[in-house]
Amino acid sequence: AENLALFQLIWDQMSAIAIKYFPIIILLTAPFLAIALRIVQRKKSARFFTHFIFSMHYIAFVELTCIVLYLMYLIAHPGFSLLNILFAICSCVYFAIAFRVVYETTWFRSITKALLSNVIYYAICLSIFVVLIFVAIVAVSVKVA
């Protein structure tokens, strides 16, 4: 029971940090997505700025999708798993289409490179989540001590 209470404190602290700094965190991930795009598109001569603009565009789409899905949740109350599946489908399909338009590649390359870029980007987001957990643990341990 004590461990569960400690876990709840850490989760609450992490949630508070994530909510407070969410816009900054999302904006800070844009350069990392641009780096992922540069790695995936290494044979193209596009400048980093092009990748950065594309990453900002994609992140704006992701945030818009989150807003729409949240409104769907408030209105229809579908399960979170359904919303997660819808989010994954929308973001991946849109990313592949946008990738094809911006980088002018074939559908196969667009889908492949979009998926690879997404894997790199989500790994970066996961590492940010791990850092948030660490910060929350430190904050809770300071409060408890």
Protein backbone atom coordinates (compact mmCIF):
# COMPACT_ATOMS: atom_id res chain seq x y z
CA ALA A 1 0.00 0.00 0.00
CA GLU A 2 2.89 2.34 0.78
CA ASN A 3 4.54 1.61 -2.56
CA LEU A 4 1.24 2.27 -4.34
CA ALA A 5 0.90 5.63 -2.62
CA LEU A 6 4.47 6.52 -3.60
CA PHE A 7 3.79 5.48 -7.19
CA GLN A 8 0.65 7.65 -7.19
CA LEU A 9 2.65 10.64 -5.90
CA ILE A 10 5.24 10.16 -8.65
CA TRP A 11 2.53 9.78 -11.30
CA ASP A 12 0.73 12.92 -10.09
CA GLN A 13 3.98 14.90 -10.09
CA MET A 14 4.89 13.69 -13.58
CA SER A 15 1.41 14.53 -14.87
CA ALA A 16 1.62 18.03 -13.38
CA ILE A 17 5.02 18.63 -15.00
CA ALA A 18 3.86 17.25 -18.36
CA ILE A 19 0.69 19.36 -18.39
CA LYS A 20 2.51 22.52 -17.31
CA TYR A 21 5.28 22.19 -19.88
CA PHE A 22 3.47 20.30 -22.68
CA PRO A 23 3.64 23.11 -25.29
CA ILE A 24 7.34 23.64 -24.63
CA ILE A 25 8.05 19.91 -24.72
CA ILE A 26 6.26 19.53 -28.05
CA LEU A 27 8.11 22.49 -29.56
CA LEU A 28 11.41 21.12 -28.32
CA THR A 29 10.77 17.83 -30.10
CA ALA A 30 10.54 19.56 -33.50
CA PRO A 31 14.32 19.83 -33.99
CA PHE A 32 14.66 16.15 -33.09
CA LEU A 33 12.07 15.19 -35.69
CA ALA A 34 13.95 17.39 -38.17
CA ILE A 35 17.14 15.49 -37.36
CA ALA A 36 15.30 12.19 -37.87
CA LEU A 37 14.05 13.46 -41.23
CA ARG A 38 17.58 14.53 -42.18
CA ILE A 39 18.88 11.07 -41.31
CA VAL A 40 16.14 9.34 -43.31
CA GLN A 41 16.47 11.75 -46.27
CA ARG A 42 20.27 11.82 -46.32
CA LYS A 43 20.53 11.45 -50.11
CA LYS A 44 18.33 14.48 -50.76
CA SER A 45 19.94 17.90 -50.65
CA ALA A 46 17.18 19.49 -48.55
CA ARG A 47 18.47 21.86 -45.90
CA PHE A 48 17.84 21.36 -42.21
CA PHE A 49 15.44 24.31 -42.25
CA THR A 50 13.20 22.44 -44.73
CA HIS A 51 13.10 19.44 -42.40
CA PHE A 52 12.40 21.72 -39.44
CA ILE A 53 9.48 23.42 -41.20
CA PHE A 54 8.10 20.00 -42.17
CA SER A 55 8.45 18.78 -38.58
CA MET A 56 6.60 21.85 -37.25
CA HIS A 57 3.87 21.23 -39.82
CA TYR A 58 3.54 17.60 -38.77
CA ILE A 59 3.53 18.46 -35.06
CA ALA A 60 0.77 21.02 -35.70
CA PHE A 61 -1.24 18.27 -37.41
CA VAL A 62 -0.63 15.92 -34.47
CA GLU A 63 -1.82 18.55 -32.00
CA LEU A 64 -4.90 19.28 -34.13
CA THR A 65 -5.63 15.54 -34.23
CA CYS A 66 -5.31 15.39 -30.44
CA ILE A 67 -7.82 18.23 -30.08
CA VAL A 68 -10.31 16.57 -32.44
CA LEU A 69 -9.96 13.19 -30.69
CA TYR A 70 -10.35 14.86 -27.29
CA LEU A 71 -13.56 16.50 -28.49
CA MET A 72 -14.72 13.10 -29.76
CA TYR A 73 -13.97 11.69 -26.32
CA LEU A 74 -15.97 14.43 -24.60
CA ILE A 75 -18.95 14.02 -26.94
CA ALA A 76 -19.14 10.28 -27.61
CA HIS A 77 -17.03 8.76 -24.80
CA PRO A 78 -15.32 6.07 -26.92
CA GLY A 79 -12.66 3.99 -25.22
CA PHE A 80 -9.08 5.23 -25.04
CA SER A 81 -7.87 2.24 -27.07
CA LEU A 82 -10.13 3.26 -29.97
CA LEU A 83 -8.83 6.83 -29.76
CA ASN A 84 -5.23 5.60 -29.68
CA ILE A 85 -5.84 3.47 -32.77
CA LEU A 86 -7.49 6.41 -34.56
CA PHE A 87 -4.59 8.66 -33.58
CA ALA A 88 -1.99 6.19 -34.84
CA ILE A 89 -3.80 5.67 -38.14
CA CYS A 90 -4.40 9.40 -38.74
CA SER A 91 -0.88 10.47 -37.86
CA CYS A 92 0.83 7.72 -39.87
CA VAL A 93 -1.34 8.16 -42.97
CA TYR A 94 -0.99 11.93 -42.89
CA PHE A 95 2.77 11.71 -42.35
CA ALA A 96 3.18 9.38 -45.34
CA ILE A 97 1.07 11.65 -47.59
CA ALA A 98 2.88 14.80 -46.44
CA PHE A 99 6.23 13.05 -46.80
CA ARG A 100 5.41 12.15 -50.41
CA VAL A 101 4.33 15.70 -51.23
CA VAL A 102 7.25 17.48 -49.54
CA TYR A 103 10.08 15.14 -50.52
CA GLU A 104 8.60 14.03 -53.87
CA THR A 105 9.34 10.33 -53.45
CA THR A 106 7.45 7.23 -54.50
CA TRP A 107 4.65 5.92 -52.30
CA PHE A 108 6.75 2.97 -51.15
CA ARG A 109 9.68 5.18 -50.14
CA SER A 110 7.35 7.73 -48.56
CA ILE A 111 5.61 5.13 -46.42
CA THR A 112 8.87 3.42 -45.48
CA LYS A 113 10.68 6.64 -44.63
CA ALA A 114 7.67 8.08 -42.82
CA LEU A 115 7.44 4.97 -40.65
CA LEU A 116 11.17 5.05 -39.95
CA SER A 117 11.03 8.76 -39.10
CA ASN A 118 8.06 8.10 -36.81
CA VAL A 119 9.93 5.33 -35.00
CA ILE A 120 12.88 7.65 -34.41
CA TYR A 121 10.59 10.50 -33.33
CA TYR A 122 8.56 8.34 -30.94
CA ALA A 123 11.79 6.96 -29.45
CA ILE A 124 12.79 10.55 -28.76
CA CYS A 125 9.37 11.26 -27.21
CA LEU A 126 9.71 8.11 -25.09
CA SER A 127 13.10 9.28 -23.83
CA ILE A 128 11.52 12.62 -22.89
CA PHE A 129 8.85 10.66 -20.99
CA VAL A 130 11.61 8.79 -19.13
CA VAL A 131 13.25 12.11 -18.23
CA LEU A 132 9.87 13.36 -16.94
CA ILE A 133 9.58 10.25 -14.76
CA PHE A 134 13.08 10.85 -13.40
CA VAL A 135 12.31 14.52 -12.65
CA ALA A 136 9.07 13.49 -10.94
CA ILE A 137 10.89 10.90 -8.82
CA VAL A 138 13.45 13.49 -7.74
CA ALA A 139 10.71 16.04 -6.96
CA VAL A 140 8.72 13.53 -4.91
CA SER A 141 11.81 12.32 -3.04
CA VAL A 142 12.63 15.93 -2.11
CA LYS A 143 9.05 16.46 -0.86
CA VAL A 144 8.97 13.20 1.08
CA ALA A 145 12.42 13.65 2.68
